[in-house]
C-alpha atoms as a PDB file:
ATOM      1  CA  MET A   1      62.134 138.344 102.798  1.00  0.00           C
ATOM      2  CA  PRO A   2      61.671 134.376 102.504  1.00  0.00           C
ATOM      3  CA  LYS A   3      58.157 133.600 102.398  1.00  0.00           C
ATOM      4  CA  THR A   4      56.590 132.084 105.489  1.00  0.00           C
ATOM      5  CA  GLU A   5      54.983 128.601 105.235  1.00  0.00           C
ATOM      6  CA  MET A   6      51.334 128.173 105.754  1.00  0.00           C
ATOM      7  CA  LYS A   7      51.203 125.855 109.287  1.00  0.00           C
ATOM      8  CA  ILE A   8      47.831 124.272 110.148  1.00  0.00           C
ATOM      9  CA  PRO A   9      47.160 123.304 114.128  1.00  0.00           C
ATOM     10  CA  ILE A  10      47.589 120.097 115.904  1.00  0.00           C
ATOM     11  CA  GLN A  11      47.516 118.025 118.884  1.00  0.00           C
ATOM     12  CA  GLY A  12      51.176 117.947 119.570  1.00  0.00           C
ATOM     13  CA  LYS A  13      50.865 115.457 122.166  1.00  0.00           C
ATOM     14  CA  TRP A  14      48.308 113.250 120.409  1.00  0.00           C
ATOM     15  CA  MET A  15      50.540 113.384 117.295  1.00  0.00           C
ATOM     16  CA  LYS A  16      53.483 112.028 119.369  1.00  0.00           C
ATOM     17  CA  SER A  17      51.317 109.109 120.783  1.00  0.00           C
ATOM     18  CA  VAL A  18      50.486 108.031 117.745  1.00  0.00           C
ATOM     19  CA  ILE A  19      53.809 107.935 116.230  1.00  0.00           C
ATOM     20  CA  LYS A  20      54.696 106.193 119.188  1.00  0.00           C
ATOM     21  CA  ARG A  21      51.880 103.456 118.527  1.00  0.00           C
ATOM     22  CA  ARG A  22      52.517 102.865 114.884  1.00  0.00           C
ATOM     23  CA  GLY A  23      56.041 101.490 116.322  1.00  0.00           C
ATOM     24  CA  PHE A  24      57.996 104.948 115.605  1.00  0.00           C
ATOM     25  CA  THR A  25      59.943 107.782 116.837  1.00  0.00           C
ATOM     26  CA  ILE A  26      60.616 111.167 116.433  1.00  0.00           C
ATOM     27  CA  TYR A  27      64.372 110.265 116.209  1.00  0.00           C
ATOM     28  CA  SER A  28      63.660 107.493 113.760  1.00  0.00           C
ATOM     29  CA  LEU A  29      61.356 109.740 111.586  1.00  0.00           C
ATOM     30  CA  GLY A  30      64.170 112.495 111.452  1.00  0.00           C
ATOM     31  CA  ARG A  31      66.640 110.182 110.010  1.00  0.00           C
ATOM     32  CA  SER A  32      67.236 110.148 105.861  1.00  0.00           C
ATOM     33  CA  VAL A  33      65.020 108.342 103.808  1.00  0.00           C
ATOM     34  CA  GLU A  34      67.720 105.807 103.248  1.00  0.00           C
ATOM     35  CA  ARG A  35      67.931 105.164 106.600  1.00  0.00           C
ATOM     36  CA  GLY A  36      64.003 104.568 106.845  1.00  0.00           C
ATOM     37  CA  GLY A  37      62.968 107.866 107.632  1.00  0.00           C
ATOM     38  CA  ILE A  38      61.500 110.998 106.241  1.00  0.00           C
ATOM     39  CA  GLY A  39      64.182 113.321 105.320  1.00  0.00           C
ATOM     40  CA  LYS A  40      63.547 116.148 107.744  1.00  0.00           C
ATOM     41  CA  ASP A  41      65.577 117.637 110.352  1.00  0.00           C
ATOM     42  CA  ILE A  42      64.493 116.150 113.429  1.00  0.00           C
ATOM     43  CA  ARG A  43      64.333 119.777 115.268  1.00  0.00           C
ATOM     44  CA  THR A  44      61.990 120.855 112.517  1.00  0.00           C
ATOM     45  CA  ILE A  45      59.612 117.533 113.539  1.00  0.00           C
ATOM     46  CA  ARG A  46      59.872 118.267 117.258  1.00  0.00           C
ATOM     47  CA  ARG A  47      58.998 121.854 116.945  1.00  0.00           C
ATOM     48  CA  ALA A  48      55.891 120.974 115.443  1.00  0.00           C
ATOM     49  CA  VAL A  49      55.204 118.603 118.321  1.00  0.00           C
ATOM     50  CA  SER A  50      55.930 121.421 120.884  1.00  0.00           C
ATOM     51  CA  GLU A  51      54.143 124.304 118.875  1.00  0.00           C
ATOM     52  CA  ASN A  52      51.143 122.245 118.011  1.00  0.00           C
ATOM     53  CA  LYS A  53      51.343 123.590 114.671  1.00  0.00           C
ATOM     54  CA  ILE A  54      52.939 121.940 111.461  1.00  0.00           C
ATOM     55  CA  THR A  55      52.946 122.437 107.526  1.00  0.00           C
ATOM     56  CA  PRO A  56      50.813 120.251 105.513  1.00  0.00           C
ATOM     57  CA  GLN A  57      53.724 119.003 103.580  1.00  0.00           C
ATOM     58  CA  LEU A  58      55.727 117.611 106.819  1.00  0.00           C
ATOM     59  CA  LEU A  59      51.888 116.305 108.153  1.00  0.00           C
ATOM     60  CA  ASP A  60      51.400 114.143 105.286  1.00  0.00           C
ATOM     61  CA  LEU A  61      55.201 113.143 105.302  1.00  0.00           C
ATOM     62  CA  ILE A  62      54.796 111.656 108.715  1.00  0.00           C
ATOM     63  CA  ALA A  63      51.315 110.440 107.760  1.00  0.00           C
ATOM     64  CA  ARG A  64      52.544 108.598 105.076  1.00  0.00           C
ATOM     65  CA  ALA A  65      55.800 107.240 106.578  1.00  0.00           C
ATOM     66  CA  ILE A  66      53.816 105.813 109.558  1.00  0.00           C
ATOM     67  CA  ASP A  67      50.637 105.107 107.448  1.00  0.00           C
ATOM     68  CA  VAL A  68      47.922 107.057 109.374  1.00  0.00           C
ATOM     69  CA  HIS A  69      45.656 109.310 107.635  1.00  0.00           C
ATOM     70  CA  PRO A  70      46.817 112.853 108.520  1.00  0.00           C
ATOM     71  CA  ASP A  71      43.428 113.987 110.030  1.00  0.00           C
ATOM     72  CA  PHE A  72      43.745 111.333 112.841  1.00  0.00           C
ATOM     73  CA  LEU A  73      47.610 112.122 113.054  1.00  0.00           C
ATOM     74  CA  ALA A  74      46.376 116.071 113.525  1.00  0.00           C
ATOM     75  CA  GLY A  75      44.298 115.061 116.475  1.00  0.00           C
ATOM     76  CA  LYS A  76      41.201 115.602 114.735  1.00  0.00           C
ATOM     77  CA  TYR A  77      39.065 113.522 116.982  1.00  0.00           C
ATOM     78  CA  CYS A  78      40.730 114.480 120.539  1.00  0.00           C
ATOM     79  CA  TRP A  79      37.966 116.257 121.434  1.00  0.00           C
ATOM     80  CA  THR A  80      36.315 112.818 122.205  1.00  0.00           C
ATOM     81  CA  LEU A  81      38.805 112.284 125.033  1.00  0.00           C
ATOM     82  CA  GLU A  82      37.706 115.240 126.934  1.00  0.00           C
ATOM     83  CA  LEU A  83      34.135 113.702 127.315  1.00  0.00           C
ATOM     84  CA  PRO A  84      33.051 113.419 130.976  1.00  0.00           C
ATOM     85  CA  VAL A  85      32.432 109.833 129.908  1.00  0.00           C
ATOM     86  CA  MET A  86      35.974 109.061 129.561  1.00  0.00           C
ATOM     87  CA  ASP A  87      36.291 109.420 132.836  1.00  0.00           C
ATOM     88  CA  TYR A  88      34.244 106.291 133.976  1.00  0.00           C
ATOM     89  CA  GLU A  89      37.396 103.392 134.587  1.00  0.00           C
ATOM     90  CA  GLY A  90      38.361 101.625 131.677  1.00  0.00           C
ATOM     91  CA  VAL A  91      36.205 103.676 129.035  1.00  0.00           C
ATOM     92  CA  ARG A  92      38.993 105.827 127.801  1.00  0.00           C
ATOM     93  CA  ASP A  93      41.063 102.578 127.310  1.00  0.00           C
ATOM     94  CA  TYR A  94      38.232 101.414 125.402  1.00  0.00           C
ATOM     95  CA  TRP A  95      37.890 103.984 123.099  1.00  0.00           C
ATOM     96  CA  LEU A  96      41.435 104.450 122.257  1.00  0.00           C
ATOM     97  CA  GLU A  97      41.682 100.750 121.704  1.00  0.00           C
ATOM     98  CA  ASN A  98      38.528 100.250 119.702  1.00  0.00           C
ATOM     99  CA  TYR A  99      37.546 103.697 118.213  1.00  0.00           C
ATOM    100  CA  LEU A 100      40.951 105.468 118.145  1.00  0.00           C
ATOM    101  CA  ASN A 101      43.117 102.635 117.059  1.00  0.00           C
ATOM    102  CA  PRO A 102      45.500 103.960 114.251  1.00  0.00           C
ATOM    103  CA  ASP A 103      45.146 100.588 112.473  1.00  0.00           C
ATOM    104  CA  HIS A 104      41.711 101.785 111.636  1.00  0.00           C
ATOM    105  CA  PHE A 105      42.825 104.856 109.840  1.00  0.00           C
ATOM    106  CA  PRO A 106      45.368 103.856 107.259  1.00  0.00           C
ATOM    107  CA  TYR A 107      46.880 106.582 105.106  1.00  0.00           C
ATOM    108  CA  ILE A 108      45.283 104.625 102.012  1.00  0.00           C
ATOM    109  CA  LEU A 109      42.136 106.329 102.778  1.00  0.00           C
ATOM    110  CA  ALA A 110      43.653 110.370 102.331  1.00  0.00           C
ATOM    111  CA  GLU A 111      44.771 108.979  98.881  1.00  0.00           C
ATOM    112  CA  GLN A 112      41.567 107.631  97.861  1.00  0.00           C
ATOM    113  CA  GLN A 113      40.162 111.087  99.138  1.00  0.00           C
ATOM    114  CA  LYS A 114      42.342 112.916  97.198  1.00  0.00           C
ATOM    115  CA  LEU A 115      41.731 110.829  94.191  1.00  0.00           C
ATOM    116  CA  GLY A 116      38.221 110.660  93.929  1.00  0.00           C
ATOM    117  CA  SER A 117      36.252 112.770  96.114  1.00  0.00           C
ATOM    118  CA  TYR A 118      36.396 116.292  94.156  1.00  0.00           C
ATOM    119  CA  ARG A 119      35.607 114.504  90.832  1.00  0.00           C
ATOM    120  CA  GLN A 120      32.347 112.752  92.576  1.00  0.00           C
ATOM    121  CA  LEU A 121      31.117 115.973  93.897  1.00  0.00           C
ATOM    122  CA  LEU A 122      31.290 117.862  90.725  1.00  0.00           C
ATOM    123  CA  ASN A 123      29.910 115.079  89.278  1.00  0.00           C
ATOM    124  CA  THR A 124      26.655 115.042  91.833  1.00  0.00           C
ATOM    125  CA  LEU A 125      26.200 118.631  91.749  1.00  0.00           C
ATOM    126  CA  LEU A 126      26.197 118.716  87.846  1.00  0.00           C
ATOM    127  CA  MET A 127      23.292 115.893  88.092  1.00  0.00           C
ATOM    128  CA  HIS A 128      21.756 118.363  90.166  1.00  0.00           C
ATOM    129  CA  GLY A 129      21.944 121.600  88.073  1.00  0.00           C
ATOM    130  CA  VAL A 130      24.998 122.744  90.006  1.00  0.00           C
ATOM    131  CA  THR A 131      27.801 123.944  87.656  1.00  0.00           C
ATOM    132  CA  LYS A 132      31.333 124.021  88.708  1.00  0.00           C
ATOM    133  CA  GLU A 133      31.454 127.538  88.191  1.00  0.00           C
ATOM    134  CA  ASP A 134      28.308 127.749  90.799  1.00  0.00           C
ATOM    135  CA  PHE A 135      29.891 125.482  93.183  1.00  0.00           C
ATOM    136  CA  LEU A 136      33.656 127.747  92.760  1.00  0.00           C
ATOM    137  CA  GLU A 137      31.620 131.050  93.676  1.00  0.00           C
ATOM    138  CA  LYS A 138      31.374 130.025  97.212  1.00  0.00           C
ATOM    139  CA  SER A 139      33.810 130.826  99.868  1.00  0.00           C
ATOM    140  CA  ARG A 140      36.019 127.642 100.491  1.00  0.00           C
ATOM    141  CA  PRO A 141      34.616 127.392 104.200  1.00  0.00           C
ATOM    142  CA  ASP A 142      31.204 126.916 102.509  1.00  0.00           C
ATOM    143  CA  ARG A 143      32.673 124.617  99.769  1.00  0.00           C
ATOM    144  CA  ASP A 144      34.649 122.323 102.600  1.00  0.00           C
ATOM    145  CA  LYS A 145      31.180 122.546 104.743  1.00  0.00           C
ATOM    146  CA  MET A 146      29.023 121.437 102.161  1.00  0.00           C
ATOM    147  CA  ALA A 147      31.024 118.897 100.960  1.00  0.00           C
ATOM    148  CA  ASP A 148      31.272 117.449 104.122  1.00  0.00           C
ATOM    149  CA  GLN A 149      27.546 117.510 104.648  1.00  0.00           C
ATOM    150  CA  LEU A 150      26.786 115.674 101.179  1.00  0.00           C
ATOM    151  CA  ASP A 151      29.480 113.278 102.174  1.00  0.00           C
ATOM    152  CA  LEU A 152      27.807 112.138 105.475  1.00  0.00           C
ATOM    153  CA  ALA A 153      24.638 112.097 103.852  1.00  0.00           C
ATOM    154  CA  VAL A 154      25.418 109.632 101.457  1.00  0.00           C
ATOM    155  CA  THR A 155      27.161 107.600 104.097  1.00  0.00           C
ATOM    156  CA  ARG A 156      24.303 107.282 105.961  1.00  0.00           C
ATOM    157  CA  VAL A 157      22.344 106.313 102.919  1.00  0.00           C
ATOM    158  CA  LEU A 158      24.903 103.550 102.137  1.00  0.00           C
ATOM    159  CA  LYS A 159      25.322 102.316 105.433  1.00  0.00           C
ATOM    160  CA  GLN A 160      21.251 102.389 105.511  1.00  0.00           C
ATOM    161  CA  TRP A 161      21.010  99.958 102.474  1.00  0.00           C
ATOM    162  CA  PHE A 162      24.251  98.211 103.041  1.00  0.00           C
ATOM    163  CA  PRO A 163      24.692  97.192 106.441  1.00  0.00           C
ATOM    164  CA  SER A 164      27.048  94.494 106.533  1.00  0.00           C
ATOM    165  CA  CYS A 165      29.475  96.450 104.244  1.00  0.00           C
ATOM    166  CA  TYR A 166      30.036  98.492 107.625  1.00  0.00           C
ATOM    167  CA  ARG A 167      32.149  96.482 110.592  1.00  0.00           C
ATOM    168  CA  GLY A 168      29.954  96.445 113.740  1.00  0.00           C
ATOM    169  CA  ASP A 169      33.013  95.719 116.110  1.00  0.00           C
ATOM    170  CA  THR A 170      35.163  98.079 115.168  1.00  0.00           C
ATOM    171  CA  VAL A 171      35.465 101.804 113.904  1.00  0.00           C
ATOM    172  CA  ASP A 172      35.915 103.032 110.129  1.00  0.00           C
ATOM    173  CA  TYR A 173      36.663 106.107 108.505  1.00  0.00           C
ATOM    174  CA  ALA A 174      33.209 106.712 107.198  1.00  0.00           C
ATOM    175  CA  GLU A 175      31.911 105.916 110.831  1.00  0.00           C
ATOM    176  CA  ALA A 176      34.016 108.347 112.561  1.00  0.00           C
ATOM    177  CA  MET A 177      33.054 111.441 110.080  1.00  0.00           C
ATOM    178  CA  GLU A 178      30.219 111.262 111.580  1.00  0.00           C
ATOM    179  CA  TRP A 179      31.357 111.986 115.136  1.00  0.00           C
ATOM    180  CA  ARG A 180      30.228 115.359 115.821  1.00  0.00           C
ATOM    181  CA  ASP A 181      29.186 116.107 119.831  1.00  0.00           C
ATOM    182  CA  GLU A 182      28.966 114.128 122.674  1.00  0.00           C
ATOM    183  CA  ARG A 183      25.444 112.002 121.751  1.00  0.00           C
ATOM    184  CA  ASP A 184      27.656 110.532 118.828  1.00  0.00           C
ATOM    185  CA  VAL A 185      30.124 109.014 120.979  1.00  0.00           C
ATOM    186  CA  TYR A 186      27.833 107.631 123.414  1.00  0.00           C
ATOM    187  CA  GLU A 187      25.942 106.031 120.402  1.00  0.00           C
ATOM    188  CA  ALA A 188      29.307 104.667 118.852  1.00  0.00           C
ATOM    189  CA  MET A 189      29.835 102.490 121.921  1.00  0.00           C
ATOM    190  CA  LEU A 190      26.594 101.999 123.318  1.00  0.00           C
ATOM    191  CA  GLU A 191      26.745  98.656 123.802  1.00  0.00           C
ATOM    192  CA  TYR A 192      29.579  98.669 125.744  1.00  0.00           C
ATOM    193  CA  LEU A 193      28.309 101.232 127.853  1.00  0.00           C
ATOM    194  CA  GLU A 194      25.107  99.423 128.422  1.00  0.00           C
ATOM    195  CA  GLU A 195      27.011  96.283 129.723  1.00  0.00           C
ATOM    196  CA  ARG A 196      29.229  98.547 131.898  1.00  0.00           C
ATOM    197  CA  GLY A 197      26.102 100.144 133.725  1.00  0.00           C
ATOM    198  CA  ILE A 198      27.411 103.421 132.781  1.00  0.00           C
ATOM    199  CA  VAL A 199      24.204 104.216 130.735  1.00  0.00           C
ATOM    200  CA  LYS A 200      20.494 102.337 130.728  1.00  0.00           C
ATOM    201  CA  VAL A 201      18.597 101.992 127.473  1.00  0.00           C
ATOM    202  CA  ASP A 202      14.964 101.712 127.622  1.00  0.00           C
ATOM    203  CA  TYR A 203      14.035  99.724 124.522  1.00  0.00           C
ATOM    204  CA  PRO A 204       9.904 100.023 123.296  1.00  0.00           C
ATOM    205  CA  GLY A 205       7.792  97.519 124.705  1.00  0.00           C
ATOM    206  CA  GLU A 206       9.633  97.046 128.031  1.00  0.00           C
ATOM    207  CA  ASN A 207       8.376  97.375 131.217  1.00  0.00           C
END
């Protein structure tokens, strides 16, 4: 009996839109590698999009080909588009252009994560008296959750001490990782929302 490949959930419509925004089509991706595609049957790609699930291997192939982070391509941040604030005229387009722009989520970020994040995590734990064996005793979900929390904590500290290293006009991947709820989205584009009169900010000392 053939082994069934594990599949992960994706937002199919989002994936299709990202592929288009990067200047590709499902048809062009389905070409052979020699012809600029990924060497996978076009029906396999279409099925993944229509069924909203895909193998990690196929997701990575597509992401690499169109130069976007696999998480972004899969629709990790699609929940932000469902927030009520997106219904205000122009806000959704502004968010898509300035925050959910594929240009801000290149594939190289995924490669950097693969190369350094695990070793960095183990070194951090060891510095605080936690061995690799202690870490591996935790369940996979707990390990992933802890790694995310540590990464976010480090990001906040570095952002505080080295603000010039973070772009103020556009999003970066470290900032996107901090989006957890509606408040985070409001804070990300607070200046724009204030200029539009959608929100009013009361600053200390103002009457």
